[in-house]
PDB file of N, CA and C in Angstrom:
ATOM      1  N   MET A   1      -0.433  30.066   4.226  1.00  0.00           N
ATOM      2  CA  MET A   1      -0.537  28.842   3.656  1.00  0.00           C
ATOM      3  C   MET A   1      -1.618  28.203   3.757  1.00  0.00           C
ATOM      4  N   ARG A   2      -2.342  27.874   2.699  1.00  0.00           N
ATOM      5  CA  ARG A   2      -3.851  26.839   2.912  1.00  0.00           C
ATOM      6  C   ARG A   2      -3.376  25.739   3.150  1.00  0.00           C
ATOM      7  N   PRO A   3      -3.925  24.731   3.475  1.00  0.00           N
ATOM      8  CA  PRO A   3      -4.051  23.353   3.494  1.00  0.00           C
ATOM      9  C   PRO A   3      -4.554  22.995   2.527  1.00  0.00           C
ATOM     10  N   GLU A   4      -3.971  22.042   1.818  1.00  0.00           N
ATOM     11  CA  GLU A   4      -4.094  20.862   1.074  1.00  0.00           C
ATOM     12  C   GLU A   4      -6.159  20.472   1.239  1.00  0.00           C
ATOM     13  N   PRO A   5      -6.230  20.534  -0.126  1.00  0.00           N
ATOM     14  CA  PRO A   5      -7.893  19.854  -0.451  1.00  0.00           C
ATOM     15  C   PRO A   5      -8.024  18.885   0.258  1.00  0.00           C
ATOM     16  N   VAL A   6      -9.286  18.297   0.574  1.00  0.00           N
ATOM     17  CA  VAL A   6      -9.242  17.047   0.906  1.00  0.00           C
ATOM     18  C   VAL A   6      -9.797  16.402  -0.346  1.00  0.00           C
ATOM     19  N   ASP A   7      -9.120  15.029  -0.521  1.00  0.00           N
ATOM     20  CA  ASP A   7      -9.221  14.188  -1.738  1.00  0.00           C
ATOM     21  C   ASP A   7     -10.383  13.581  -1.403  1.00  0.00           C
ATOM     22  N   TRP A   8     -11.487  13.743  -1.353  1.00  0.00           N
ATOM     23  CA  TRP A   8     -12.499  13.032  -1.181  1.00  0.00           C
ATOM     24  C   TRP A   8     -12.742  11.373  -2.045  1.00  0.00           C
ATOM     25  N   ASP A   9     -12.161  11.510  -3.637  1.00  0.00           N
ATOM     26  CA  ASP A   9     -12.627  10.589  -4.253  1.00  0.00           C
ATOM     27  C   ASP A   9     -11.283   9.492  -3.576  1.00  0.00           C
ATOM     28  N   ALA A  10     -10.038   9.865  -2.632  1.00  0.00           N
ATOM     29  CA  ALA A  10      -9.268   8.748  -2.141  1.00  0.00           C
ATOM     30  C   ALA A  10      -9.968   8.551  -0.767  1.00  0.00           C
ATOM     31  N   ILE A  11     -10.853   9.197  -0.108  1.00  0.00           N
ATOM     32  CA  ILE A  11     -11.152   8.547   0.975  1.00  0.00           C
ATOM     33  C   ILE A  11     -12.304   7.768   0.792  1.00  0.00           C
ATOM     34  N   TYR A  12     -13.155   7.953  -0.447  1.00  0.00           N
ATOM     35  CA  TYR A  12     -14.038   6.962  -1.008  1.00  0.00           C
ATOM     36  C   TYR A  12     -13.823   5.575  -1.555  1.00  0.00           C
ATOM     37  N   CYS A  13     -12.630   5.548  -2.041  1.00  0.00           N
ATOM     38  CA  CYS A  13     -12.156   4.385  -3.123  1.00  0.00           C
ATOM     39  C   CYS A  13     -11.501   3.622  -1.632  1.00  0.00           C
ATOM     40  N   LEU A  14     -11.057   4.049  -0.486  1.00  0.00           N
ATOM     41  CA  LEU A  14     -10.778   3.372   0.428  1.00  0.00           C
ATOM     42  C   LEU A  14     -11.192   2.608   1.244  1.00  0.00           C
ATOM     43  N   ILE A  15     -12.728   3.587   1.539  1.00  0.00           N
ATOM     44  CA  ILE A  15     -13.985   2.718   2.064  1.00  0.00           C
ATOM     45  C   ILE A  15     -14.460   1.768   1.196  1.00  0.00           C
ATOM     46  N   ILE A  16     -14.404   2.160  -0.093  1.00  0.00           N
ATOM     47  CA  ILE A  16     -15.003   1.056  -0.852  1.00  0.00           C
ATOM     48  C   ILE A  16     -14.279  -0.147  -1.013  1.00  0.00           C
ATOM     49  N   GLU A  17     -13.038   0.039  -1.102  1.00  0.00           N
ATOM     50  CA  GLU A  17     -11.730  -0.966  -1.182  1.00  0.00           C
ATOM     51  C   GLU A  17     -12.070  -2.213   0.203  1.00  0.00           C
ATOM     52  N   ARG A  18     -11.936  -1.112   1.452  1.00  0.00           N
ATOM     53  CA  ARG A  18     -12.091  -2.157   2.882  1.00  0.00           C
ATOM     54  C   ARG A  18     -13.449  -2.714   3.219  1.00  0.00           C
ATOM     55  N   THR A  19     -14.782  -2.243   2.721  1.00  0.00           N
ATOM     56  CA  THR A  19     -15.817  -2.610   2.821  1.00  0.00           C
ATOM     57  C   THR A  19     -16.771  -3.338   2.104  1.00  0.00           C
ATOM     58  N   GLY A  20     -16.489  -3.078   0.729  1.00  0.00           N
ATOM     59  CA  GLY A  20     -17.514  -3.123  -0.574  1.00  0.00           C
ATOM     60  C   GLY A  20     -18.457  -2.657  -0.660  1.00  0.00           C
ATOM     61  N   TRP A  21     -18.862  -1.329  -0.051  1.00  0.00           N
ATOM     62  CA  TRP A  21     -20.066  -0.539  -0.093  1.00  0.00           C
ATOM     63  C   TRP A  21     -19.791  -0.106  -1.310  1.00  0.00           C
ATOM     64  N   THR A  22     -21.133   0.837  -1.875  1.00  0.00           N
ATOM     65  CA  THR A  22     -21.084   0.952  -3.491  1.00  0.00           C
ATOM     66  C   THR A  22     -20.705   2.758  -3.294  1.00  0.00           C
ATOM     67  N   TRP A  23     -19.992   3.879  -4.008  1.00  0.00           N
ATOM     68  CA  TRP A  23     -20.466   5.258  -3.581  1.00  0.00           C
ATOM     69  C   TRP A  23     -21.485   5.620  -3.432  1.00  0.00           C
ATOM     70  N   ASP A  24     -22.907   5.195  -3.700  1.00  0.00           N
ATOM     71  CA  ASP A  24     -23.889   5.651  -3.534  1.00  0.00           C
ATOM     72  C   ASP A  24     -24.328   5.461  -2.093  1.00  0.00           C
ATOM     73  N   TYR A  25     -23.850   4.265  -1.456  1.00  0.00           N
ATOM     74  CA  TYR A  25     -24.345   3.891   0.318  1.00  0.00           C
ATOM     75  C   TYR A  25     -23.484   4.892   0.645  1.00  0.00           C
ATOM     76  N   ILE A  26     -22.214   5.133   0.547  1.00  0.00           N
ATOM     77  CA  ILE A  26     -21.287   5.486   1.674  1.00  0.00           C
ATOM     78  C   ILE A  26     -21.837   7.024   1.550  1.00  0.00           C
ATOM     79  N   ASP A  27     -22.368   7.702   0.133  1.00  0.00           N
ATOM     80  CA  ASP A  27     -23.236   9.071   0.198  1.00  0.00           C
ATOM     81  C   ASP A  27     -24.248   9.110   0.881  1.00  0.00           C
ATOM     82  N   GLY A  28     -25.219   8.039   1.201  1.00  0.00           N
ATOM     83  CA  GLY A  28     -26.070   8.151   2.384  1.00  0.00           C
ATOM     84  C   GLY A  28     -25.929   7.499   3.320  1.00  0.00           C
ATOM     85  N   HIS A  29     -24.860   6.622   3.772  1.00  0.00           N
ATOM     86  CA  HIS A  29     -24.623   6.108   5.307  1.00  0.00           C
ATOM     87  C   HIS A  29     -23.202   6.689   6.004  1.00  0.00           C
ATOM     88  N   MET A  30     -22.505   7.670   5.388  1.00  0.00           N
ATOM     89  CA  MET A  30     -21.173   8.093   5.925  1.00  0.00           C
ATOM     90  C   MET A  30     -20.777   9.252   6.046  1.00  0.00           C
ATOM     91  N   ASP A  31     -20.505   9.720   7.170  1.00  0.00           N
ATOM     92  CA  ASP A  31     -20.047  11.046   7.381  1.00  0.00           C
ATOM     93  C   ASP A  31     -18.714  11.131   7.953  1.00  0.00           C
ATOM     94  N   LEU A  32     -18.064  11.981   8.139  1.00  0.00           N
ATOM     95  CA  LEU A  32     -16.741  12.068   8.063  1.00  0.00           C
ATOM     96  C   LEU A  32     -16.165  11.455  10.068  1.00  0.00           C
ATOM     97  N   PRO A  33     -17.228  11.734  10.940  1.00  0.00           N
ATOM     98  CA  PRO A  33     -16.667  11.318  12.127  1.00  0.00           C
ATOM     99  C   PRO A  33     -16.984   9.823  12.001  1.00  0.00           C
ATOM    100  N   ARG A  34     -17.598   8.958  11.474  1.00  0.00           N
ATOM    101  CA  ARG A  34     -17.643   7.715  11.337  1.00  0.00           C
ATOM    102  C   ARG A  34     -16.432   7.209  10.525  1.00  0.00           C
ATOM    103  N   PHE A  35     -16.195   8.061   9.212  1.00  0.00           N
ATOM    104  CA  PHE A  35     -15.005   7.861   8.598  1.00  0.00           C
ATOM    105  C   PHE A  35     -13.743   7.591   9.760  1.00  0.00           C
ATOM    106  N   LEU A  36     -13.764   8.565  10.470  1.00  0.00           N
ATOM    107  CA  LEU A  36     -12.378   8.704  11.072  1.00  0.00           C
ATOM    108  C   LEU A  36     -12.603   7.783  12.194  1.00  0.00           C
ATOM    109  N   ALA A  37     -13.646   7.252  12.498  1.00  0.00           N
ATOM    110  CA  ALA A  37     -13.711   6.127  13.404  1.00  0.00           C
ATOM    111  C   ALA A  37     -13.154   4.902  13.121  1.00  0.00           C
ATOM    112  N   LEU A  38     -14.093   4.471  11.396  1.00  0.00           N
ATOM    113  CA  LEU A  38     -13.146   3.292  10.938  1.00  0.00           C
ATOM    114  C   LEU A  38     -11.682   3.505  10.343  1.00  0.00           C
ATOM    115  N   ASP A  39     -10.976   4.620  10.482  1.00  0.00           N
ATOM    116  CA  ASP A  39     -10.127   4.822  10.130  1.00  0.00           C
ATOM    117  C   ASP A  39      -8.978   4.445  11.349  1.00  0.00           C
ATOM    118  N   ALA A  40      -9.580   4.936  12.457  1.00  0.00           N
ATOM    119  CA  ALA A  40      -8.753   4.881  13.552  1.00  0.00           C
ATOM    120  C   ALA A  40      -8.672   3.004  14.199  1.00  0.00           C
ATOM    121  N   HIS A  41      -9.879   2.656  13.720  1.00  0.00           N
ATOM    122  CA  HIS A  41      -9.919   1.110  13.505  1.00  0.00           C
ATOM    123  C   HIS A  41      -9.079   0.344  13.089  1.00  0.00           C
ATOM    124  N   TRP A  42      -8.993   0.735  11.245  1.00  0.00           N
ATOM    125  CA  TRP A  42      -7.886   0.131  10.773  1.00  0.00           C
ATOM    126  C   TRP A  42      -6.492   0.565  10.751  1.00  0.00           C
ATOM    127  N   SER A  43      -6.116   1.784  11.669  1.00  0.00           N
ATOM    128  CA  SER A  43      -4.964   1.903  11.965  1.00  0.00           C
ATOM    129  C   SER A  43      -4.311   1.096  13.517  1.00  0.00           C
ATOM    130  N   ARG A  44      -5.702   0.563  13.995  1.00  0.00           N
ATOM    131  CA  ARG A  44      -5.189  -0.426  15.134  1.00  0.00           C
ATOM    132  C   ARG A  44      -5.282  -1.883  14.802  1.00  0.00           C
ATOM    133  N   ASN A  45      -6.194  -2.168  13.595  1.00  0.00           N
ATOM    134  CA  ASN A  45      -6.344  -3.461  13.190  1.00  0.00           C
ATOM    135  C   ASN A  45      -6.168  -3.616  12.040  1.00  0.00           C
ATOM    136  N   PRO A  46      -4.937  -3.240  11.319  1.00  0.00           N
ATOM    137  CA  PRO A  46      -4.989  -3.200   9.837  1.00  0.00           C
ATOM    138  C   PRO A  46      -5.712  -4.518   8.860  1.00  0.00           C
ATOM    139  N   PRO A  47      -6.147  -4.128   7.704  1.00  0.00           N
ATOM    140  CA  PRO A  47      -6.721  -5.194   7.077  1.00  0.00           C
ATOM    141  C   PRO A  47      -5.911  -6.107   6.478  1.00  0.00           C
ATOM    142  N   LEU A  48      -6.242  -7.253   5.958  1.00  0.00           N
ATOM    143  CA  LEU A  48      -5.648  -8.107   5.788  1.00  0.00           C
ATOM    144  C   LEU A  48      -4.525  -7.931   4.785  1.00  0.00           C
ATOM    145  N   ARG A  49      -5.011  -7.220   3.517  1.00  0.00           N
ATOM    146  CA  ARG A  49      -4.256  -6.536   2.365  1.00  0.00           C
ATOM    147  C   ARG A  49      -3.244  -5.791   3.074  1.00  0.00           C
ATOM    148  N   ASP A  50      -3.257  -4.875   3.655  1.00  0.00           N
ATOM    149  CA  ASP A  50      -2.398  -4.170   4.039  1.00  0.00           C
ATOM    150  C   ASP A  50      -1.256  -5.101   4.764  1.00  0.00           C
ATOM    151  N   MET A  51      -1.612  -5.912   5.237  1.00  0.00           N
ATOM    152  CA  MET A  51      -0.557  -6.698   5.948  1.00  0.00           C
ATOM    153  C   MET A  51       0.321  -7.555   5.030  1.00  0.00           C
ATOM    154  N   VAL A  52      -0.368  -7.932   4.228  1.00  0.00           N
ATOM    155  CA  VAL A  52       0.396  -8.727   2.976  1.00  0.00           C
ATOM    156  C   VAL A  52       1.457  -7.748   2.413  1.00  0.00           C
ATOM    157  N   GLN A  53       0.804  -6.329   1.844  1.00  0.00           N
ATOM    158  CA  GLN A  53       1.727  -5.380   1.394  1.00  0.00           C
ATOM    159  C   GLN A  53       3.240  -5.056   2.248  1.00  0.00           C
ATOM    160  N   ALA A  54       2.763  -5.177   3.284  1.00  0.00           N
ATOM    161  CA  ALA A  54       3.865  -4.574   4.345  1.00  0.00           C
ATOM    162  C   ALA A  54       4.975  -5.955   4.999  1.00  0.00           C
ATOM    163  N   TYR A  55       4.101  -7.317   4.213  1.00  0.00           N
ATOM    164  CA  TYR A  55       5.205  -8.306   4.670  1.00  0.00           C
ATOM    165  C   TYR A  55       5.979  -8.607   3.247  1.00  0.00           C
ATOM    166  N   LEU A  56       5.249  -8.346   2.062  1.00  0.00           N
ATOM    167  CA  LEU A  56       5.739  -8.348   1.215  1.00  0.00           C
ATOM    168  C   LEU A  56       6.721  -6.995   0.589  1.00  0.00           C
ATOM    169  N   GLY A  57       6.433  -6.141   1.353  1.00  0.00           N
ATOM    170  CA  GLY A  57       7.704  -4.835   1.141  1.00  0.00           C
ATOM    171  C   GLY A  57       6.974  -4.091   0.119  1.00  0.00           C
ATOM    172  N   ILE A  58       5.652  -4.033  -0.208  1.00  0.00           N
ATOM    173  CA  ILE A  58       5.115  -3.197  -1.290  1.00  0.00           C
ATOM    174  C   ILE A  58       4.809  -2.026  -0.686  1.00  0.00           C
ATOM    175  N   LYS A  59       5.443  -1.053  -1.177  1.00  0.00           N
ATOM    176  CA  LYS A  59       5.059   0.288  -0.610  1.00  0.00           C
ATOM    177  C   LYS A  59       4.023   0.934  -1.537  1.00  0.00           C
ATOM    178  N   PRO A  60       3.041   1.818  -0.615  1.00  0.00           N
ATOM    179  CA  PRO A  60       2.061   2.563  -1.448  1.00  0.00           C
ATOM    180  C   PRO A  60       2.154   3.317  -2.698  1.00  0.00           C
ATOM    181  N   GLN A  61       2.033   3.268  -3.853  1.00  0.00           N
ATOM    182  CA  GLN A  61       2.768   4.778  -4.705  1.00  0.00           C
ATOM    183  C   GLN A  61       2.080   6.112  -4.478  1.00  0.00           C
ATOM    184  N   THR A  62       3.101   6.836  -4.580  1.00  0.00           N
ATOM    185  CA  THR A  62       2.783   8.327  -4.411  1.00  0.00           C
ATOM    186  C   THR A  62       2.152   8.825  -5.172  1.00  0.00           C
ATOM    187  N   PRO A  63       0.944   9.338  -4.890  1.00  0.00           N
ATOM    188  CA  PRO A  63      -0.108  10.049  -6.182  1.00  0.00           C
ATOM    189  C   PRO A  63       0.729  11.036  -6.517  1.00  0.00           C
ATOM    190  N   PRO A  64       0.527  11.194  -8.269  1.00  0.00           N
ATOM    191  CA  PRO A  64       0.780  12.370  -8.556  1.00  0.00           C
ATOM    192  C   PRO A  64       0.401  13.415  -8.181  1.00  0.00           C
ATOM    193  N   SER A  65       1.143  14.666  -7.992  1.00  0.00           N
ATOM    194  CA  SER A  65       1.024  15.926  -7.668  1.00  0.00           C
ATOM    195  C   SER A  65      -0.062  16.711  -8.543  1.00  0.00           C
ATOM    196  N   SER A  66      -1.309  17.104  -7.525  1.00  0.00           N
ATOM    197  CA  SER A  66      -2.343  17.338  -8.347  1.00  0.00           C
ATOM    198  C   SER A  66      -1.406  19.036  -9.227  1.00  0.00           C
ATOM    199  N   THR A  67      -2.714  19.124 -10.421  1.00  0.00           N
ATOM    200  CA  THR A  67      -2.358  20.487 -11.200  1.00  0.00           C
ATOM    201  C   THR A  67      -3.228  21.413 -10.623  1.00  0.00           C
ATOM    202  N   ARG A  68      -3.087  22.638 -10.871  1.00  0.00           N
ATOM    203  CA  ARG A  68      -3.543  23.875 -10.298  1.00  0.00           C
ATOM    204  C   ARG A  68      -5.380  23.788 -10.766  1.00  0.00           C
ATOM    205  N   ASN A  69      -5.682  23.089 -12.630  1.00  0.00           N
ATOM    206  CA  ASN A  69      -7.306  23.412 -12.497  1.00  0.00           C
ATOM    207  C   ASN A  69      -7.377  24.540 -12.724  1.00  0.00           C
ATOM    208  N   ASP A  70      -6.789  25.764 -12.699  1.00  0.00           N
ATOM    209  CA  ASP A  70      -7.599  27.324 -13.115  1.00  0.00           C
ATOM    210  C   ASP A  70      -7.976  27.707 -14.299  1.00  0.00           C
ATOM    211  N   GLN A  71      -8.020  28.434 -14.753  1.00  0.00           N
ATOM    212  CA  GLN A  71      -8.215  28.803 -16.046  1.00  0.00           C
ATOM    213  C   GLN A  71      -6.729  29.102 -16.687  1.00  0.00           C
ATOM    214  N   THR A  72      -5.629  29.305 -16.178  1.00  0.00           N
ATOM    215  CA  THR A  72      -4.548  28.955 -17.003  1.00  0.00           C
ATOM    216  C   THR A  72      -4.295  27.880 -17.587  1.00  0.00           C
ATOM    217  N   ASP A  73      -4.393  26.767 -16.617  1.00  0.00           N
ATOM    218  CA  ASP A  73      -4.599  25.199 -17.483  1.00  0.00           C
ATOM    219  C   ASP A  73      -5.493  25.426 -18.447  1.00  0.00           C
ATOM    220  N   LEU A  74      -6.839  25.650 -18.112  1.00  0.00           N
ATOM    221  CA  LEU A  74      -7.760  25.552 -19.396  1.00  0.00           C
ATOM    222  C   LEU A  74      -7.288  26.287 -20.366  1.00  0.00           C
ATOM    223  N   ASP A  75      -6.964  27.467 -20.324  1.00  0.00           N
ATOM    224  CA  ASP A  75      -6.058  28.686 -21.688  1.00  0.00           C
ATOM    225  C   ASP A  75      -5.180  27.564 -22.106  1.00  0.00           C
ATOM    226  N   GLU A  76      -4.318  26.740 -21.543  1.00  0.00           N
ATOM    227  CA  GLU A  76      -2.981  26.475 -21.960  1.00  0.00           C
ATOM    228  C   GLU A  76      -3.583  25.311 -23.124  1.00  0.00           C
ATOM    229  N   PHE A  77      -4.740  24.545 -22.070  1.00  0.00           N
ATOM    230  CA  PHE A  77      -5.458  23.068 -23.112  1.00  0.00           C
ATOM    231  C   PHE A  77      -5.939  23.655 -24.599  1.00  0.00           C
ATOM    232  N   ILE A  78      -6.581  24.725 -24.331  1.00  0.00           N
ATOM    233  CA  ILE A  78      -7.009  25.226 -25.747  1.00  0.00           C
ATOM    234  C   ILE A  78      -6.504  25.684 -26.557  1.00  0.00           C
ATOM    235  N   GLU A  79      -5.327  26.218 -25.850  1.00  0.00           N
ATOM    236  CA  GLU A  79      -4.347  26.693 -26.849  1.00  0.00           C
ATOM    237  C   GLU A  79      -3.462  25.344 -27.963  1.00  0.00           C
ATOM    238  N   MET A  80      -3.477  24.462 -27.141  1.00  0.00           N
ATOM    239  CA  MET A  80      -2.704  23.125 -27.428  1.00  0.00           C
ATOM    240  C   MET A  80      -3.820  22.453 -28.260  1.00  0.00           C
ATOM    241  N   PHE A  81      -4.839  22.490 -28.474  1.00  0.00           N
ATOM    242  CA  PHE A  81      -5.804  21.817 -28.934  1.00  0.00           C
ATOM    243  C   PHE A  81      -5.945  22.533 -30.439  1.00  0.00           C
ATOM    244  N   LYS A  82      -6.132  23.800 -30.271  1.00  0.00           N
ATOM    245  CA  LYS A  82      -6.339  24.579 -31.649  1.00  0.00           C
ATOM    246  C   LYS A  82      -4.782  24.231 -32.440  1.00  0.00           C
ATOM    247  N   ALA A  83      -3.883  24.374 -31.622  1.00  0.00           N
ATOM    248  CA  ALA A  83      -2.463  24.051 -32.324  1.00  0.00           C
ATOM    249  C   ALA A  83      -2.522  22.783 -33.255  1.00  0.00           C
ATOM    250  N   ALA A  84      -3.079  22.048 -32.507  1.00  0.00           N
ATOM    251  CA  ALA A  84      -3.040  20.529 -33.104  1.00  0.00           C
ATOM    252  C   ALA A  84      -4.174  20.250 -34.315  1.00  0.00           C
ATOM    253  N   GLY A  85      -5.108  21.396 -34.552  1.00  0.00           N
ATOM    254  CA  GLY A  85      -5.887  21.463 -35.699  1.00  0.00           C
ATOM    255  C   GLY A  85      -7.614  21.226 -35.059  1.00  0.00           C
ATOM    256  N   GLY A  86      -7.522  21.439 -34.112  1.00  0.00           N
ATOM    257  CA  GLY A  86      -8.926  21.401 -33.013  1.00  0.00           C
ATOM    258  C   GLY A  86      -9.204  22.531 -33.214  1.00  0.00           C
ATOM    259  N   SER A  87     -10.709  22.574 -33.462  1.00  0.00           N
ATOM    260  CA  SER A  87     -11.819  23.489 -33.665  1.00  0.00           C
ATOM    261  C   SER A  87     -12.955  23.443 -32.381  1.00  0.00           C
ATOM    262  N   MET A  88     -12.686  24.958 -31.997  1.00  0.00           N
ATOM    263  CA  MET A  88     -13.802  25.218 -31.014  1.00  0.00           C
ATOM    264  C   MET A  88     -15.038  25.935 -31.518  1.00  0.00           C
ATOM    265  N   ALA A  89     -15.714  24.810 -31.775  1.00  0.00           N
ATOM    266  CA  ALA A  89     -17.190  24.814 -32.713  1.00  0.00           C
ATOM    267  C   ALA A  89     -18.083  25.068 -31.844  1.00  0.00           C
TER     268      ALA A  89
END
């Protein structure tokens, strides 16, 4: 059984949301040990946004399940595209 792949987009978005840093800044200045340190800090000292959500009873939305994104998906998409009148020129 293979572990789920790391959702780097979600990690970047979390860092951007909580720090205001840009995507490029994170690329140049953040690594996994630093993220884990920040994440541990945020677990011990939740940001105000998280505390307000908890107080109001707002639960995080569950992300949609990931798709396979493999050749089968691509083939199915092309088939539906052609069936709808699209051309692959």
